[in-house]
Amino acid sequence: MRYTESACIELKKRDYEIVKKFFADKKYRVPAMAMLNGDFPGKVFVDNIDNPEIVVVWALSRWSYISCREISNKHEEFIKEIIINKVSPILNKVGENNFEIHVDKADLRGEI
């Protein structure tokens, strides 16, 4: 098992396949899959590499797409960790002030 205590794991490109199922029938499938297929630069974060419950696909300095199996309190911390520790430093470095967040569950919008 490849599990870490951190709430946020950045996937390597070779591991992107494990999260594609999260976007199979979602509204934002095309942009998320473009990044996952290597057609747009970005990063992918999960809560657990062996059995992810939540996934963030982030096209660098553009948009992010969040998909989860079920909404959980721990997802709020996962999202905060990504925004504060992963996304913000890169946005600051490239001079961007904003980025878009799209979610597949209406209830998750209240967590962000």
N, C-alpha and C. Protein backbone atom coordinates (compact mmCIF):
# COMPACT_ATOMS: atom_id res chain seq x y z
N MET A 1 0.83 -1.17 0.00
CA MET A 1 0.00 0.00 0.00
C MET A 1 0.88 1.24 0.00
N ARG A 2 0.57 2.18 -0.86
CA ARG A 2 1.29 3.44 -0.92
C ARG A 2 0.40 4.52 -0.35
N TYR A 3 0.43 4.69 0.94
CA TYR A 3 -0.41 5.68 1.62
C TYR A 3 0.48 6.61 2.42
N THR A 4 0.08 7.85 2.50
CA THR A 4 0.83 8.82 3.29
C THR A 4 -0.12 9.49 4.27
N GLU A 5 0.39 9.94 5.38
CA GLU A 5 -0.42 10.63 6.37
C GLU A 5 -0.89 11.99 5.89
N SER A 6 -0.17 12.57 4.93
CA SER A 6 -0.58 13.85 4.38
C SER A 6 -1.93 13.70 3.71
N ALA A 7 -2.73 14.74 3.80
CA ALA A 7 -4.05 14.70 3.17
C ALA A 7 -3.96 14.85 1.67
N CYS A 8 -2.80 15.20 1.15
CA CYS A 8 -2.67 15.57 -0.25
C CYS A 8 -1.46 14.89 -0.88
N ILE A 9 -1.70 14.08 -1.90
CA ILE A 9 -0.62 13.39 -2.61
C ILE A 9 -0.64 13.84 -4.06
N GLU A 10 0.50 14.31 -4.57
CA GLU A 10 0.58 14.67 -5.98
C GLU A 10 0.94 13.42 -6.77
N LEU A 11 0.12 13.11 -7.75
CA LEU A 11 0.38 11.93 -8.58
C LEU A 11 1.44 12.20 -9.62
N LYS A 12 2.16 11.18 -9.95
CA LYS A 12 3.08 11.19 -11.08
C LYS A 12 2.24 10.90 -12.33
N LYS A 13 2.71 11.33 -13.49
CA LYS A 13 1.95 11.12 -14.72
C LYS A 13 1.62 9.65 -14.95
N ARG A 14 2.52 8.77 -14.56
CA ARG A 14 2.28 7.33 -14.77
C ARG A 14 1.09 6.82 -13.96
N ASP A 15 0.69 7.58 -12.92
CA ASP A 15 -0.42 7.17 -12.07
C ASP A 15 -1.75 7.86 -12.41
N TYR A 16 -1.77 8.71 -13.43
CA TYR A 16 -3.00 9.44 -13.77
C TYR A 16 -4.16 8.50 -14.11
N GLU A 17 -3.85 7.33 -14.63
CA GLU A 17 -4.89 6.39 -15.03
C GLU A 17 -5.85 6.06 -13.89
N ILE A 18 -5.35 6.03 -12.65
CA ILE A 18 -6.21 5.63 -11.52
C ILE A 18 -7.30 6.64 -11.21
N VAL A 19 -7.21 7.87 -11.74
CA VAL A 19 -8.24 8.87 -11.45
C VAL A 19 -9.14 9.17 -12.64
N LYS A 20 -8.85 8.64 -13.79
CA LYS A 20 -9.67 8.92 -14.98
C LYS A 20 -11.13 8.51 -14.77
N LYS A 21 -11.37 7.47 -14.00
CA LYS A 21 -12.74 7.01 -13.76
C LYS A 21 -13.58 8.07 -13.05
N PHE A 22 -12.95 8.96 -12.30
CA PHE A 22 -13.68 10.02 -11.61
C PHE A 22 -14.32 11.00 -12.59
N PHE A 23 -13.82 11.05 -13.81
CA PHE A 23 -14.28 12.04 -14.79
C PHE A 23 -15.02 11.42 -15.96
N ALA A 24 -15.36 10.14 -15.88
CA ALA A 24 -15.97 9.42 -16.99
C ALA A 24 -17.27 10.03 -17.48
N ASP A 25 -18.12 10.48 -16.59
CA ASP A 25 -19.43 11.00 -17.00
C ASP A 25 -19.75 12.35 -16.37
N LYS A 26 -18.74 13.14 -16.15
CA LYS A 26 -18.91 14.43 -15.47
C LYS A 26 -19.01 15.57 -16.47
N LYS A 27 -19.60 16.67 -16.03
CA LYS A 27 -19.78 17.86 -16.86
C LYS A 27 -18.46 18.38 -17.41
N TYR A 28 -17.41 18.38 -16.59
CA TYR A 28 -16.13 18.94 -16.99
C TYR A 28 -15.16 17.85 -17.45
N ARG A 29 -15.68 16.80 -18.01
CA ARG A 29 -14.88 15.66 -18.44
C ARG A 29 -13.80 16.06 -19.45
N VAL A 30 -14.16 16.83 -20.47
CA VAL A 30 -13.22 17.15 -21.55
C VAL A 30 -11.99 17.91 -21.04
N PRO A 31 -12.13 19.02 -20.30
CA PRO A 31 -10.91 19.69 -19.85
C PRO A 31 -10.09 18.86 -18.86
N ALA A 32 -10.77 18.12 -17.99
CA ALA A 32 -10.03 17.29 -17.04
C ALA A 32 -9.26 16.19 -17.78
N MET A 33 -9.91 15.55 -18.73
CA MET A 33 -9.24 14.48 -19.47
C MET A 33 -8.12 15.03 -20.36
N ALA A 34 -8.26 16.26 -20.86
CA ALA A 34 -7.18 16.85 -21.65
C ALA A 34 -5.91 16.95 -20.82
N MET A 35 -6.07 17.35 -19.58
CA MET A 35 -4.90 17.43 -18.69
C MET A 35 -4.38 16.04 -18.35
N LEU A 36 -5.29 15.13 -18.01
CA LEU A 36 -4.88 13.77 -17.65
C LEU A 36 -4.22 13.03 -18.81
N ASN A 37 -4.61 13.36 -20.03
CA ASN A 37 -4.03 12.72 -21.21
C ASN A 37 -2.75 13.40 -21.69
N GLY A 38 -2.30 14.43 -20.98
CA GLY A 38 -1.05 15.08 -21.33
C GLY A 38 -1.17 16.17 -22.38
N ASP A 39 -2.39 16.60 -22.70
CA ASP A 39 -2.57 17.63 -23.72
C ASP A 39 -2.51 19.04 -23.15
N PHE A 40 -2.44 19.17 -21.83
CA PHE A 40 -2.35 20.46 -21.17
C PHE A 40 -1.54 20.26 -19.90
N PRO A 41 -0.62 21.18 -19.59
CA PRO A 41 0.20 20.99 -18.38
C PRO A 41 -0.62 21.16 -17.11
N GLY A 42 -0.33 20.35 -16.11
CA GLY A 42 -1.04 20.48 -14.86
C GLY A 42 -0.53 19.52 -13.80
N LYS A 43 -1.30 19.46 -12.73
CA LYS A 43 -0.97 18.60 -11.60
C LYS A 43 -2.24 17.89 -11.14
N VAL A 44 -2.05 16.71 -10.56
CA VAL A 44 -3.17 15.92 -10.05
C VAL A 44 -2.89 15.56 -8.61
N PHE A 45 -3.87 15.78 -7.74
CA PHE A 45 -3.75 15.49 -6.32
C PHE A 45 -4.86 14.55 -5.88
N VAL A 46 -4.53 13.61 -5.01
CA VAL A 46 -5.51 12.69 -4.44
C VAL A 46 -5.29 12.61 -2.93
N ASP A 47 -6.27 12.05 -2.25
CA ASP A 47 -6.15 11.86 -0.81
C ASP A 47 -5.49 10.53 -0.47
N ASN A 48 -5.55 9.56 -1.37
CA ASN A 48 -4.96 8.24 -1.15
C ASN A 48 -4.66 7.64 -2.52
N ILE A 49 -3.43 7.28 -2.76
CA ILE A 49 -3.04 6.80 -4.09
C ILE A 49 -3.62 5.42 -4.40
N ASP A 50 -3.84 4.59 -3.40
CA ASP A 50 -4.37 3.25 -3.63
C ASP A 50 -5.88 3.22 -3.77
N ASN A 51 -6.57 4.11 -3.08
CA ASN A 51 -8.02 4.13 -3.10
C ASN A 51 -8.51 5.58 -2.95
N PRO A 52 -8.32 6.40 -3.98
CA PRO A 52 -8.68 7.81 -3.85
C PRO A 52 -10.18 8.01 -3.67
N GLU A 53 -10.51 8.93 -2.77
CA GLU A 53 -11.90 9.33 -2.56
C GLU A 53 -12.18 10.69 -3.18
N ILE A 54 -11.13 11.51 -3.31
CA ILE A 54 -11.27 12.84 -3.88
C ILE A 54 -10.05 13.12 -4.75
N VAL A 55 -10.30 13.81 -5.87
CA VAL A 55 -9.25 14.11 -6.85
C VAL A 55 -9.35 15.58 -7.24
N VAL A 56 -8.21 16.23 -7.33
CA VAL A 56 -8.15 17.58 -7.89
C VAL A 56 -7.23 17.53 -9.10
N VAL A 57 -7.78 17.89 -10.25
CA VAL A 57 -7.01 18.04 -11.47
C VAL A 57 -6.87 19.54 -11.67
N TRP A 58 -5.63 20.02 -11.69
CA TRP A 58 -5.37 21.46 -11.81
C TRP A 58 -4.52 21.74 -13.04
N ALA A 59 -5.11 22.43 -14.00
CA ALA A 59 -4.36 22.91 -15.16
C ALA A 59 -3.63 24.15 -14.70
N LEU A 60 -2.32 24.13 -14.75
CA LEU A 60 -1.50 25.19 -14.18
C LEU A 60 -1.97 26.58 -14.60
N SER A 61 -2.22 27.41 -13.61
CA SER A 61 -2.65 28.80 -13.73
C SER A 61 -3.93 28.99 -14.54
N ARG A 62 -4.76 27.98 -14.59
CA ARG A 62 -6.03 28.10 -15.30
C ARG A 62 -7.19 27.69 -14.40
N TRP A 63 -7.62 26.46 -14.50
CA TRP A 63 -8.77 25.96 -13.77
C TRP A 63 -8.39 24.71 -13.00
N SER A 64 -9.26 24.37 -12.07
CA SER A 64 -9.11 23.09 -11.38
C SER A 64 -10.47 22.42 -11.37
N TYR A 65 -10.44 21.11 -11.32
CA TYR A 65 -11.68 20.34 -11.28
C TYR A 65 -11.58 19.37 -10.12
N ILE A 66 -12.59 19.40 -9.26
CA ILE A 66 -12.60 18.54 -8.08
C ILE A 66 -13.72 17.52 -8.23
N SER A 67 -13.38 16.27 -8.06
CA SER A 67 -14.36 15.20 -8.11
C SER A 67 -14.17 14.29 -6.90
N CYS A 68 -15.27 13.86 -6.31
CA CYS A 68 -15.17 12.95 -5.17
C CYS A 68 -16.29 11.92 -5.21
N ARG A 69 -16.03 10.81 -4.55
CA ARG A 69 -17.04 9.74 -4.48
C ARG A 69 -18.21 10.19 -3.61
N GLU A 70 -17.91 10.56 -2.39
CA GLU A 70 -18.90 11.05 -1.43
C GLU A 70 -18.29 12.22 -0.68
N ILE A 71 -19.12 13.13 -0.25
CA ILE A 71 -18.63 14.30 0.46
C ILE A 71 -18.34 13.93 1.91
N SER A 72 -17.18 14.40 2.39
CA SER A 72 -16.73 14.10 3.74
C SER A 72 -16.10 15.34 4.35
N ASN A 73 -16.09 15.43 5.67
CA ASN A 73 -15.46 16.57 6.36
C ASN A 73 -13.98 16.67 6.02
N LYS A 74 -13.32 15.54 5.82
CA LYS A 74 -11.89 15.57 5.54
C LYS A 74 -11.58 16.20 4.19
N HIS A 75 -12.56 16.30 3.30
CA HIS A 75 -12.33 16.91 2.00
C HIS A 75 -12.04 18.40 2.11
N GLU A 76 -12.62 19.06 3.10
CA GLU A 76 -12.35 20.48 3.30
C GLU A 76 -10.86 20.71 3.57
N GLU A 77 -10.27 19.90 4.45
CA GLU A 77 -8.84 20.03 4.75
C GLU A 77 -7.99 19.69 3.53
N PHE A 78 -8.39 18.69 2.78
CA PHE A 78 -7.68 18.30 1.56
C PHE A 78 -7.64 19.47 0.58
N ILE A 79 -8.79 20.09 0.35
CA ILE A 79 -8.88 21.22 -0.59
C ILE A 79 -8.07 22.41 -0.08
N LYS A 80 -8.18 22.72 1.20
CA LYS A 80 -7.40 23.83 1.77
C LYS A 80 -5.90 23.59 1.61
N GLU A 81 -5.45 22.37 1.88
CA GLU A 81 -4.03 22.06 1.76
C GLU A 81 -3.54 22.28 0.34
N ILE A 82 -4.32 21.85 -0.63
CA ILE A 82 -3.92 22.03 -2.02
C ILE A 82 -3.85 23.51 -2.38
N ILE A 83 -4.88 24.25 -2.03
CA ILE A 83 -4.91 25.68 -2.40
C ILE A 83 -3.79 26.44 -1.71
N ILE A 84 -3.60 26.24 -0.43
CA ILE A 84 -2.61 27.00 0.33
C ILE A 84 -1.18 26.55 0.02
N ASN A 85 -0.95 25.24 0.02
CA ASN A 85 0.42 24.73 -0.08
C ASN A 85 0.90 24.38 -1.48
N LYS A 86 -0.01 24.17 -2.41
CA LYS A 86 0.39 23.74 -3.76
C LYS A 86 0.08 24.80 -4.81
N VAL A 87 -1.18 25.25 -4.85
CA VAL A 87 -1.62 26.15 -5.90
C VAL A 87 -1.11 27.58 -5.68
N SER A 88 -1.33 28.13 -4.50
CA SER A 88 -0.96 29.53 -4.24
C SER A 88 0.51 29.84 -4.52
N PRO A 89 1.46 29.01 -4.08
CA PRO A 89 2.87 29.33 -4.38
C PRO A 89 3.16 29.41 -5.88
N ILE A 90 2.55 28.53 -6.65
CA ILE A 90 2.78 28.55 -8.10
C ILE A 90 2.11 29.77 -8.73
N LEU A 91 0.88 30.08 -8.31
CA LEU A 91 0.21 31.26 -8.83
C LEU A 91 1.00 32.52 -8.52
N ASN A 92 1.52 32.62 -7.30
CA ASN A 92 2.34 33.78 -6.93
C ASN A 92 3.59 33.87 -7.80
N LYS A 93 4.20 32.74 -8.07
CA LYS A 93 5.43 32.72 -8.87
C LYS A 93 5.19 33.20 -10.30
N VAL A 94 4.03 32.83 -10.88
CA VAL A 94 3.75 33.22 -12.26
C VAL A 94 2.94 34.51 -12.36
N GLY A 95 2.62 35.11 -11.22
CA GLY A 95 1.93 36.39 -11.22
C GLY A 95 0.43 36.33 -11.44
N GLU A 96 -0.18 35.19 -11.21
CA GLU A 96 -1.63 35.04 -11.32
C GLU A 96 -2.28 35.32 -9.97
N ASN A 97 -3.44 35.94 -9.98
CA ASN A 97 -4.15 36.24 -8.73
C ASN A 97 -5.34 35.32 -8.51
N ASN A 98 -5.85 34.71 -9.54
CA ASN A 98 -7.06 33.91 -9.43
C ASN A 98 -6.94 32.62 -10.24
N PHE A 99 -7.79 31.67 -9.89
CA PHE A 99 -7.96 30.49 -10.72
C PHE A 99 -9.36 29.95 -10.46
N GLU A 100 -9.88 29.16 -11.38
CA GLU A 100 -11.24 28.66 -11.30
C GLU A 100 -11.27 27.29 -10.63
N ILE A 101 -12.35 27.06 -9.88
CA ILE A 101 -12.57 25.75 -9.28
C ILE A 101 -13.94 25.26 -9.73
N HIS A 102 -13.97 24.09 -10.34
CA HIS A 102 -15.22 23.46 -10.77
C HIS A 102 -15.37 22.18 -9.96
N VAL A 103 -16.58 21.91 -9.49
CA VAL A 103 -16.82 20.72 -8.68
C VAL A 103 -17.96 19.91 -9.28
N ASP A 104 -17.97 18.61 -9.00
CA ASP A 104 -19.02 17.76 -9.55
C ASP A 104 -20.18 17.52 -8.58
N LYS A 105 -20.06 17.96 -7.36
CA LYS A 105 -21.13 17.78 -6.37
C LYS A 105 -21.51 19.15 -5.81
N ALA A 106 -22.77 19.51 -5.92
CA ALA A 106 -23.21 20.83 -5.47
C ALA A 106 -22.90 21.04 -4.00
N ASP A 107 -23.00 20.02 -3.17
CA ASP A 107 -22.73 20.16 -1.74
C ASP A 107 -21.27 20.51 -1.46
N LEU A 108 -20.38 20.13 -2.33
CA LEU A 108 -18.96 20.40 -2.14
C LEU A 108 -18.66 21.88 -2.32
N ARG A 109 -19.49 22.60 -3.06
CA ARG A 109 -19.27 24.04 -3.27
C ARG A 109 -19.25 24.79 -1.96
N GLY A 110 -20.02 24.37 -0.99
CA GLY A 110 -20.04 25.02 0.31
C GLY A 110 -18.76 24.81 1.09
N GLU A 111 -17.96 23.81 0.73
CA GLU A 111 -16.72 23.51 1.43
C GLU A 111 -15.58 24.40 0.97
N ILE A 112 -15.70 24.94 -0.22
CA ILE A 112 -14.58 25.69 -0.81
C ILE A 112 -14.64 27.15 -0.39
